[in-house]
Amino acid sequence: MNWTIISTEQEYQNALERLEVIFDSTPNDPTFKEAELLVMLIEKYELEIEPTFPDPDPIEVIKFKMEQNNMKSKDLAEIVGSKSKASEILNKKRRLTLKMIRQINALLGIPAEILIGEYELAK
């Protein structure tokens, strides 16, 4: 079968059905290259139709993680250095520093990729 860029739901379903049939092919099988191509075409289509989610707000993630671990702002203060810094961070009046990001990452297990994300400071 000749495959082209998938642009409709029906083409997508057809590709999925065909891939299901030939998915277990090995490099020696004549359908192997077709399976590889279908995987690429399906992935491209899924990336185009799937909604992208905005990056999470780092401070909201910290608050969520604190809530999960029954932590108070005084617990965050021990991580970031003082009660005033913890309060300013949680109220978005102060940005996280690299040192804080490293400590929060290590102690709360929040990925650094999330913690370095942009967020608006409160006015």
Protein backbone atom coordinates (compact mmCIF):
# COMPACT_ATOMS: atom_id res chain seq x y z
CA MET A 1 0.00 0.00 0.00
CA ASN A 2 1.21 3.53 -0.73
CA TRP A 3 1.06 5.75 2.34
CA THR A 4 1.05 9.55 2.39
CA ILE A 5 0.82 12.16 5.11
CA ILE A 6 -2.19 11.41 7.32
CA SER A 7 -4.63 14.31 7.28
CA THR A 8 -8.02 12.86 8.24
CA GLU A 9 -9.40 10.77 11.07
CA GLN A 10 -10.30 8.01 8.60
CA GLU A 11 -6.74 7.85 7.23
CA TYR A 12 -5.51 7.76 10.82
CA GLN A 13 -7.79 4.85 11.70
CA ASN A 14 -6.74 2.98 8.54
CA ALA A 15 -3.08 3.46 9.43
CA LEU A 16 -3.66 2.22 12.99
CA GLU A 17 -5.48 -0.85 11.74
CA ARG A 18 -2.74 -1.68 9.25
CA LEU A 19 0.00 -1.09 11.84
CA GLU A 20 -1.73 -3.48 14.21
CA VAL A 21 -1.48 -6.20 11.56
CA ILE A 22 2.21 -5.65 10.71
CA PHE A 23 3.50 -4.32 14.04
CA ASP A 24 5.53 -7.40 14.96
CA SER A 25 7.38 -7.57 11.65
CA THR A 26 11.14 -7.99 11.82
CA PRO A 27 13.82 -6.33 9.66
CA ASN A 28 13.75 -9.39 7.38
CA ASP A 29 10.00 -9.08 6.69
CA PRO A 30 8.82 -7.20 3.60
CA THR A 31 6.41 -5.19 5.79
CA PHE A 32 9.09 -3.90 8.17
CA LYS A 33 9.73 -0.61 6.35
CA GLU A 34 6.00 -0.06 5.98
CA ALA A 35 5.59 -0.48 9.74
CA GLU A 36 8.38 2.03 10.40
CA LEU A 37 6.78 4.51 8.02
CA LEU A 38 3.35 4.07 9.59
CA VAL A 39 4.76 4.73 13.06
CA MET A 40 6.24 8.02 11.84
CA LEU A 41 3.07 9.07 10.02
CA ILE A 42 0.86 8.20 12.99
CA GLU A 43 3.10 10.07 15.43
CA LYS A 44 3.11 13.15 13.19
CA TYR A 45 -0.68 13.12 12.95
CA GLU A 46 -1.12 12.62 16.70
CA LEU A 47 1.21 15.52 17.47
CA GLU A 48 -0.78 17.76 15.18
CA ILE A 49 -4.23 16.88 16.55
CA GLU A 50 -3.40 16.50 20.25
CA PRO A 51 -3.81 19.70 22.22
CA THR A 52 -0.64 20.93 23.80
CA PHE A 53 -0.79 21.71 27.47
CA PRO A 54 0.80 24.84 28.87
CA ASP A 55 3.81 24.40 31.09
CA PRO A 56 2.84 24.12 34.75
CA ASP A 57 3.38 27.10 37.01
CA PRO A 58 6.42 26.27 39.17
CA ILE A 59 4.97 27.86 42.29
CA GLU A 60 1.66 26.03 41.92
CA VAL A 61 3.59 22.78 41.56
CA ILE A 62 5.51 23.56 44.76
CA LYS A 63 2.24 24.29 46.57
CA PHE A 64 0.71 21.06 45.26
CA LYS A 65 3.74 19.01 46.34
CA MET A 66 3.69 20.66 49.77
CA GLU A 67 0.01 19.85 50.15
CA GLN A 68 0.62 16.23 49.16
CA ASN A 69 3.35 15.97 51.81
CA ASN A 70 1.40 17.86 54.50
CA MET A 71 4.04 20.58 54.51
CA LYS A 72 3.63 24.11 55.81
CA SER A 73 5.43 27.26 54.71
CA LYS A 74 7.84 26.78 57.64
CA ASP A 75 8.92 23.50 56.01
CA LEU A 76 9.63 25.33 52.78
CA ALA A 77 11.50 27.96 54.81
CA GLU A 78 13.95 25.28 55.91
CA ILE A 79 14.61 24.49 52.25
CA VAL A 80 14.92 28.05 50.89
CA GLY A 81 16.60 29.70 53.87
CA SER A 82 14.02 31.74 55.76
CA LYS A 83 10.32 32.21 56.50
CA SER A 84 10.25 35.52 54.64
CA LYS A 85 11.76 33.95 51.49
CA ALA A 86 9.29 31.06 51.65
CA SER A 87 6.38 33.48 52.02
CA GLU A 88 7.60 35.68 49.16
CA ILE A 89 8.06 32.66 46.90
CA LEU A 90 4.64 31.18 47.67
CA ASN A 91 3.03 34.60 47.10
CA LYS A 92 5.02 35.08 43.86
CA LYS A 93 6.82 38.15 45.14
CA ARG A 94 10.26 36.58 44.73
CA ARG A 95 11.72 34.40 41.98
CA LEU A 96 13.35 31.09 42.68
CA THR A 97 17.12 31.19 42.58
CA LEU A 98 19.25 28.44 41.09
CA LYS A 99 20.26 27.35 44.58
CA MET A 100 16.59 27.16 45.66
CA ILE A 101 15.70 25.21 42.53
CA ARG A 102 18.42 22.67 43.27
CA GLN A 103 17.31 22.29 46.89
CA ILE A 104 13.61 21.98 46.03
CA ASN A 105 14.45 19.48 43.31
CA ALA A 106 16.52 17.37 45.70
CA LEU A 107 14.19 17.53 48.69
CA LEU A 108 10.73 17.62 47.11
CA GLY A 109 11.49 15.68 43.94
CA ILE A 110 10.06 18.32 41.61
CA PRO A 111 11.86 18.17 38.26
CA ALA A 112 14.19 21.11 37.66
CA GLU A 113 12.62 21.54 34.20
CA ILE A 114 9.39 22.56 35.91
CA LEU A 115 11.05 24.76 38.53
CA ILE A 116 12.94 26.83 35.95
CA GLY A 117 9.70 27.64 34.11
CA GLU A 118 8.51 31.19 33.69
CA TYR A 119 5.81 32.62 35.94
CA GLU A 120 4.38 36.05 36.60
CA LEU A 121 5.34 37.81 39.79
CA ALA A 122 2.54 39.36 41.85
CA LYS A 123 2.29 43.10 41.75
